[in-house]
Structures are given as C-alpha cells and as structure tokens.
Amino acid sequence: MPRTVQIRDIDDDVYDALARRAAELGLSVPEMLRKETERLAARPTVDEWIERTRRRPGARTKRDTLEALDELRGAWPS
C-alpha cells in the first residue's frame, strides 16, 4: 500500500533547485522526488556493498601481476 511522506522546513534555495531540476526533466517536484526515493531505496547500504564486493581469493599470484605490469611497461631504457 503506498505511503505518504511529508518533508517540512526545506530552505527556499533548496526547493528552488529541486524545482529547476524537476522542470528540466519535465516532472513535478513530487514526481522527481518519488523517482529519487525509489532510486535511493534500491541502492545497497555501504555495509551491504562492502559485503558483496569483498575480495575473493583469485588464481593469480603476486608474481603474475608483476610480470603483467612489466609486460605492459615494456623494456627498461638503457
């Protein structure tokens, strides 16, 4: 069931900036804020993101990495 959220005491400058952005998108301020809240709610928290992206052990060794870097850099100048 949809819920209503009311935000009070928004500075005039902030509201004016939101109104400009909404107009650029061809939306009303409430429509733009609804889309932004949906986008915000879909984003993972920092802790969720860290957990999902935690490095997993790979098959490459430190030596493999150094050799690849040496290959990319080319021969040392004489």
Protein backbone atom coordinates (compact mmCIF):
# COMPACT_ATOMS: atom_id res chain seq x y z
CA MET A 1 0.00 0.00 0.00
CA PRO A 2 1.50 3.39 -0.97
CA ARG A 3 2.58 5.66 1.87
CA THR A 4 2.77 9.42 2.07
CA VAL A 5 5.90 11.21 3.26
CA GLN A 6 5.92 14.88 4.15
CA ILE A 7 9.12 16.90 4.47
CA ARG A 8 8.93 20.20 6.32
CA ASP A 9 11.23 23.18 6.67
CA ILE A 10 13.03 22.92 3.33
CA ASP A 11 15.01 26.07 2.59
CA ASP A 12 13.72 28.15 -0.30
CA ASP A 13 17.04 27.79 -2.14
CA VAL A 14 16.84 24.01 -1.88
CA TYR A 15 13.27 23.89 -3.10
CA ASP A 16 14.06 26.23 -5.98
CA ALA A 17 16.95 23.98 -7.03
CA LEU A 18 14.67 20.93 -6.88
CA ALA A 19 12.01 22.73 -8.91
CA ARG A 20 14.60 23.64 -11.59
CA ARG A 21 15.84 20.07 -11.82
CA ALA A 22 12.31 18.69 -11.98
CA ALA A 23 11.40 21.16 -14.74
CA GLU A 24 14.48 20.15 -16.74
CA LEU A 25 13.25 16.56 -16.55
CA GLY A 26 9.68 17.54 -17.41
CA LEU A 27 8.45 16.41 -14.00
CA SER A 28 6.80 17.98 -11.00
CA VAL A 29 8.81 18.20 -7.78
CA PRO A 30 6.81 15.38 -6.12
CA GLU A 31 7.27 13.14 -9.21
CA MET A 32 11.00 13.77 -9.26
CA LEU A 33 11.33 13.14 -5.52
CA ARG A 34 9.31 9.92 -5.86
CA LYS A 35 11.73 8.68 -8.52
CA GLU A 36 14.73 9.72 -6.43
CA THR A 37 13.42 7.94 -3.32
CA GLU A 38 12.88 4.78 -5.38
CA ARG A 39 16.45 5.04 -6.67
CA LEU A 40 17.79 5.66 -3.16
CA ALA A 41 15.85 2.73 -1.70
CA ALA A 42 17.21 0.40 -4.40
CA ARG A 43 20.84 1.23 -3.59
CA PRO A 44 22.67 -1.05 -1.17
CA THR A 45 23.94 0.34 2.11
CA VAL A 46 27.69 0.78 2.44
CA ASP A 47 27.89 -2.37 4.60
CA GLU A 48 25.88 -4.38 2.03
CA TRP A 49 28.10 -3.12 -0.78
CA ILE A 50 31.29 -3.99 1.11
CA GLU A 51 29.98 -7.47 1.87
CA ARG A 52 29.07 -8.09 -1.79
CA THR A 53 32.34 -6.80 -3.16
CA ARG A 54 34.72 -8.26 -0.61
CA ARG A 55 37.73 -9.62 -2.45
CA ARG A 56 37.70 -13.31 -3.03
CA PRO A 57 40.91 -15.24 -3.46
CA GLY A 58 41.87 -15.48 -7.10
CA ALA A 59 44.01 -17.87 -9.10
CA ARG A 60 46.61 -15.20 -9.93
CA THR A 61 49.68 -14.74 -7.81
CA LYS A 62 51.63 -11.61 -6.97
CA ARG A 63 54.28 -12.77 -9.44
CA ASP A 64 51.66 -12.98 -12.23
CA THR A 65 50.68 -9.40 -11.53
CA LEU A 66 54.28 -8.16 -11.55
CA GLU A 67 55.00 -9.97 -14.81
CA ALA A 68 51.90 -8.44 -16.42
CA LEU A 69 52.96 -4.98 -15.29
CA ASP A 70 56.47 -5.50 -16.64
CA GLU A 71 55.00 -6.60 -19.96
CA LEU A 72 52.78 -3.51 -20.14
CA ARG A 73 55.60 -1.14 -19.23
CA GLY A 74 57.98 -2.56 -21.81
CA ALA A 75 61.75 -2.83 -21.70
CA TRP A 76 63.78 -0.69 -19.34
CA PRO A 77 65.67 2.14 -21.05
CA SER A 78 69.39 1.53 -21.40
